[in-house]
Amino acid sequence: MRLTKSTDIALRIVMRLAVADEANPTTREVAEVMGVQYTHAAKVVAQLQHLGVVEARRGRGGGLSLTATGRASSIGYLVRELEGVGDVVDCEGDVPCPLAAACRLRGALRRAQEAFYASLDPLSVEDLVADPTGPVLLTLQLK
């Protein structure tokens, strides 16, 4: 299974915010440090705000911070929410699969997808930023 670019960016931003030692970095600063385009980061931050994972404040003294909910969030939950619900393969697309009525592959792939998410469920954001990752995240500076 492959995660979308947005989910990858979201997880990197959440991890960076979990170890942010500066007071509330901006979306632009986090995007630069994590090596992603600002426009992508801004869209992802909006999604994370909607999920209650990130708080974003505008103006002087504003910036991004990870909420208590975000800090304790299950990675499986975040990936499910960010990826959305859907099958691994598109059996009903523009050209429907001729095996759709009797296919066992779709069910097997659905079970594999859920096993993937289930393996991420026990991990929290805090788990992801434990040694050695947290210290490396702290070394990333604005260029």
C-alpha atoms as a PDB file:
ATOM      1  CA  MET A   1       0.000   0.000   0.000  1.00  0.00           C
ATOM      2  CA  ARG A   2       1.231   3.472  -0.785  1.00  0.00           C
ATOM      3  CA  LEU A   3       0.303   6.590   1.172  1.00  0.00           C
ATOM      4  CA  THR A   4      -0.662   9.768  -0.616  1.00  0.00           C
ATOM      5  CA  LYS A   5       1.773  12.654  -0.615  1.00  0.00           C
ATOM      6  CA  SER A   6      -0.630  14.602   1.614  1.00  0.00           C
ATOM      7  CA  THR A   7      -0.607  11.894   4.283  1.00  0.00           C
ATOM      8  CA  ASP A   8       3.187  11.713   4.173  1.00  0.00           C
ATOM      9  CA  ILE A   9       3.431  15.493   4.591  1.00  0.00           C
ATOM     10  CA  ALA A  10       0.865  15.463   7.401  1.00  0.00           C
ATOM     11  CA  LEU A  11       2.762  12.843   9.371  1.00  0.00           C
ATOM     12  CA  ARG A  12       6.045  14.718   8.930  1.00  0.00           C
ATOM     13  CA  ILE A  13       4.457  17.994  10.052  1.00  0.00           C
ATOM     14  CA  VAL A  14       2.880  16.363  13.107  1.00  0.00           C
ATOM     15  CA  MET A  15       6.205  14.778  14.032  1.00  0.00           C
ATOM     16  CA  ARG A  16       8.026  18.095  13.667  1.00  0.00           C
ATOM     17  CA  LEU A  17       5.458  19.905  15.794  1.00  0.00           C
ATOM     18  CA  ALA A  18       5.729  17.212  18.456  1.00  0.00           C
ATOM     19  CA  VAL A  19       9.365  18.204  19.055  1.00  0.00           C
ATOM     20  CA  ALA A  20       9.162  21.916  18.184  1.00  0.00           C
ATOM     21  CA  ASP A  21      11.372  23.748  20.636  1.00  0.00           C
ATOM     22  CA  GLU A  22      10.667  27.170  19.165  1.00  0.00           C
ATOM     23  CA  ALA A  23       7.456  28.933  20.082  1.00  0.00           C
ATOM     24  CA  ASN A  24       4.797  28.024  17.536  1.00  0.00           C
ATOM     25  CA  PRO A  25       6.542  27.762  14.152  1.00  0.00           C
ATOM     26  CA  THR A  26       4.575  28.981  11.139  1.00  0.00           C
ATOM     27  CA  THR A  27       3.306  26.768   8.353  1.00  0.00           C
ATOM     28  CA  ARG A  28       5.943  28.258   6.069  1.00  0.00           C
ATOM     29  CA  GLU A  29       8.744  27.494   8.564  1.00  0.00           C
ATOM     30  CA  VAL A  30       7.604  23.908   9.105  1.00  0.00           C
ATOM     31  CA  ALA A  31       7.226  23.388   5.348  1.00  0.00           C
ATOM     32  CA  GLU A  32      10.748  24.652   4.743  1.00  0.00           C
ATOM     33  CA  VAL A  33      12.300  22.558   7.513  1.00  0.00           C
ATOM     34  CA  MET A  34      10.477  19.418   6.376  1.00  0.00           C
ATOM     35  CA  GLY A  35      11.311  20.015   2.714  1.00  0.00           C
ATOM     36  CA  VAL A  36       7.778  20.337   1.359  1.00  0.00           C
ATOM     37  CA  GLN A  37       6.065  23.002  -0.717  1.00  0.00           C
ATOM     38  CA  TYR A  38       4.265  25.657   1.295  1.00  0.00           C
ATOM     39  CA  THR A  39       1.029  25.243  -0.667  1.00  0.00           C
ATOM     40  CA  HIS A  40       0.922  21.516   0.103  1.00  0.00           C
ATOM     41  CA  ALA A  41       1.758  22.151   3.752  1.00  0.00           C
ATOM     42  CA  ALA A  42      -1.007  24.758   4.062  1.00  0.00           C
ATOM     43  CA  LYS A  43      -3.625  22.322   2.721  1.00  0.00           C
ATOM     44  CA  VAL A  44      -2.402  19.591   5.044  1.00  0.00           C
ATOM     45  CA  VAL A  45      -2.408  21.915   8.057  1.00  0.00           C
ATOM     46  CA  ALA A  46      -6.052  22.755   7.283  1.00  0.00           C
ATOM     47  CA  GLN A  47      -6.875  19.014   7.300  1.00  0.00           C
ATOM     48  CA  LEU A  48      -5.004  18.512  10.570  1.00  0.00           C
ATOM     49  CA  GLN A  49      -6.872  21.465  12.095  1.00  0.00           C
ATOM     50  CA  HIS A  50     -10.175  19.935  11.027  1.00  0.00           C
ATOM     51  CA  LEU A  51      -9.167  16.687  12.769  1.00  0.00           C
ATOM     52  CA  GLY A  52      -8.291  18.606  15.947  1.00  0.00           C
ATOM     53  CA  VAL A  53      -4.648  17.523  15.755  1.00  0.00           C
ATOM     54  CA  VAL A  54      -3.093  20.937  15.104  1.00  0.00           C
ATOM     55  CA  GLU A  55      -3.977  24.392  16.312  1.00  0.00           C
ATOM     56  CA  ALA A  56      -3.099  27.255  13.971  1.00  0.00           C
ATOM     57  CA  ARG A  57      -3.192  30.881  15.054  1.00  0.00           C
ATOM     58  CA  ARG A  58      -2.724  33.870  12.791  1.00  0.00           C
ATOM     59  CA  GLY A  59      -0.982  37.124  13.452  1.00  0.00           C
ATOM     60  CA  ARG A  60       1.663  38.195  15.911  1.00  0.00           C
ATOM     61  CA  GLY A  61       2.435  35.391  18.308  1.00  0.00           C
ATOM     62  CA  GLY A  62       0.600  32.973  16.035  1.00  0.00           C
ATOM     63  CA  GLY A  63       1.824  29.785  14.480  1.00  0.00           C
ATOM     64  CA  LEU A  64       1.254  26.062  14.718  1.00  0.00           C
ATOM     65  CA  SER A  65       1.093  23.825  17.735  1.00  0.00           C
ATOM     66  CA  LEU A  66       0.182  20.224  18.285  1.00  0.00           C
ATOM     67  CA  THR A  67      -2.910  19.754  20.430  1.00  0.00           C
ATOM     68  CA  ALA A  68      -3.065  17.264  23.295  1.00  0.00           C
ATOM     69  CA  THR A  69      -5.320  15.171  21.065  1.00  0.00           C
ATOM     70  CA  GLY A  70      -2.732  15.353  18.291  1.00  0.00           C
ATOM     71  CA  ARG A  71       0.097  14.339  20.584  1.00  0.00           C
ATOM     72  CA  ALA A  72      -1.781  11.220  21.727  1.00  0.00           C
ATOM     73  CA  SER A  73      -3.328  10.367  18.354  1.00  0.00           C
ATOM     74  CA  SER A  74      -2.946   6.892  16.977  1.00  0.00           C
ATOM     75  CA  ILE A  75      -0.994   6.833  13.724  1.00  0.00           C
ATOM     76  CA  GLY A  76      -3.490   4.282  12.397  1.00  0.00           C
ATOM     77  CA  TYR A  77      -6.341   6.706  13.112  1.00  0.00           C
ATOM     78  CA  LEU A  78      -4.504   9.601  11.440  1.00  0.00           C
ATOM     79  CA  VAL A  79      -3.645   7.590   8.340  1.00  0.00           C
ATOM     80  CA  ARG A  80      -7.229   6.301   8.021  1.00  0.00           C
ATOM     81  CA  GLU A  81      -8.623   9.825   8.322  1.00  0.00           C
ATOM     82  CA  LEU A  82      -6.104  11.369   5.957  1.00  0.00           C
ATOM     83  CA  GLU A  83      -6.299   8.631   3.334  1.00  0.00           C
ATOM     84  CA  GLY A  84     -10.081   8.407   3.418  1.00  0.00           C
ATOM     85  CA  VAL A  85     -12.205   5.342   3.006  1.00  0.00           C
ATOM     86  CA  GLY A  86     -11.815   3.436  -0.205  1.00  0.00           C
ATOM     87  CA  ASP A  87     -10.726   0.260  -1.864  1.00  0.00           C
ATOM     88  CA  VAL A  88      -7.107  -0.377  -2.766  1.00  0.00           C
ATOM     89  CA  VAL A  89      -8.168  -1.065  -6.356  1.00  0.00           C
ATOM     90  CA  ASP A  90     -10.849   0.658  -8.427  1.00  0.00           C
ATOM     91  CA  CYS A  91     -13.129  -2.156  -9.563  1.00  0.00           C
ATOM     92  CA  GLU A  92     -15.973   0.145 -10.574  1.00  0.00           C
ATOM     93  CA  GLY A  93     -13.941   2.742 -12.520  1.00  0.00           C
ATOM     94  CA  ASP A  94     -14.510   4.070 -16.028  1.00  0.00           C
ATOM     95  CA  VAL A  95     -14.014   0.561 -17.345  1.00  0.00           C
ATOM     96  CA  PRO A  96     -15.476  -1.769 -14.690  1.00  0.00           C
ATOM     97  CA  CYS A  97     -13.541  -4.932 -14.003  1.00  0.00           C
ATOM     98  CA  PRO A  98     -15.188  -7.945 -15.657  1.00  0.00           C
ATOM     99  CA  LEU A  99     -14.455  -9.998 -12.514  1.00  0.00           C
ATOM    100  CA  ALA A 100     -16.234  -7.601 -10.120  1.00  0.00           C
ATOM    101  CA  ALA A 101     -19.234  -9.877  -9.554  1.00  0.00           C
ATOM    102  CA  ALA A 102     -17.136 -12.893  -8.550  1.00  0.00           C
ATOM    103  CA  CYS A 103     -13.821 -11.420  -7.446  1.00  0.00           C
ATOM    104  CA  ARG A 104     -12.076 -12.545  -4.300  1.00  0.00           C
ATOM    105  CA  LEU A 105      -9.147 -10.155  -4.784  1.00  0.00           C
ATOM    106  CA  ARG A 106     -11.012  -7.036  -3.639  1.00  0.00           C
ATOM    107  CA  GLY A 107     -11.883  -8.626  -0.281  1.00  0.00           C
ATOM    108  CA  ALA A 108      -8.336  -9.869   0.214  1.00  0.00           C
ATOM    109  CA  LEU A 109      -6.933  -6.426  -0.541  1.00  0.00           C
ATOM    110  CA  ARG A 110      -9.447  -4.801   1.814  1.00  0.00           C
ATOM    111  CA  ARG A 111      -8.339  -7.167   4.621  1.00  0.00           C
ATOM    112  CA  ALA A 112      -4.682  -6.410   3.865  1.00  0.00           C
ATOM    113  CA  GLN A 113      -5.399  -2.679   3.966  1.00  0.00           C
ATOM    114  CA  GLU A 114      -7.097  -3.008   7.354  1.00  0.00           C
ATOM    115  CA  ALA A 115      -4.165  -5.093   8.649  1.00  0.00           C
ATOM    116  CA  PHE A 116      -1.850  -2.272   7.542  1.00  0.00           C
ATOM    117  CA  TYR A 117      -3.889   0.297   9.485  1.00  0.00           C
ATOM    118  CA  ALA A 118      -4.208  -2.043  12.472  1.00  0.00           C
ATOM    119  CA  SER A 119      -0.418  -2.364  12.647  1.00  0.00           C
ATOM    120  CA  LEU A 120      -0.236   1.450  12.982  1.00  0.00           C
ATOM    121  CA  ASP A 121      -3.011   1.696  15.601  1.00  0.00           C
ATOM    122  CA  PRO A 122      -0.798   1.053  18.654  1.00  0.00           C
ATOM    123  CA  LEU A 123       1.662   3.799  17.639  1.00  0.00           C
ATOM    124  CA  SER A 124       1.110   7.364  18.832  1.00  0.00           C
ATOM    125  CA  VAL A 125       2.751  10.546  17.634  1.00  0.00           C
ATOM    126  CA  GLU A 126       4.831  10.468  20.818  1.00  0.00           C
ATOM    127  CA  ASP A 127       6.081   6.986  19.875  1.00  0.00           C
ATOM    128  CA  LEU A 128       7.244   8.246  16.469  1.00  0.00           C
ATOM    129  CA  VAL A 129       9.336  11.057  17.908  1.00  0.00           C
ATOM    130  CA  ALA A 130      11.120   8.971  20.541  1.00  0.00           C
ATOM    131  CA  ASP A 131      14.876   8.414  20.145  1.00  0.00           C
ATOM    132  CA  PRO A 132      16.475   8.428  17.639  1.00  0.00           C
ATOM    133  CA  THR A 133      13.910  10.345  15.557  1.00  0.00           C
ATOM    134  CA  GLY A 134      13.169  13.228  17.946  1.00  0.00           C
ATOM    135  CA  PRO A 135      16.762  14.424  18.223  1.00  0.00           C
ATOM    136  CA  VAL A 136      17.154  14.275  14.439  1.00  0.00           C
ATOM    137  CA  LEU A 137      13.978  16.322  13.986  1.00  0.00           C
ATOM    138  CA  LEU A 138      15.401  18.932  16.353  1.00  0.00           C
ATOM    139  CA  THR A 139      18.538  19.283  14.232  1.00  0.00           C
ATOM    140  CA  LEU A 140      16.518  20.301  11.169  1.00  0.00           C
ATOM    141  CA  GLN A 141      16.846  24.063  10.860  1.00  0.00           C
ATOM    142  CA  LEU A 142      15.565  26.684   8.477  1.00  0.00           C
ATOM    143  CA  LYS A 143      17.891  27.141   5.542  1.00  0.00           C
END
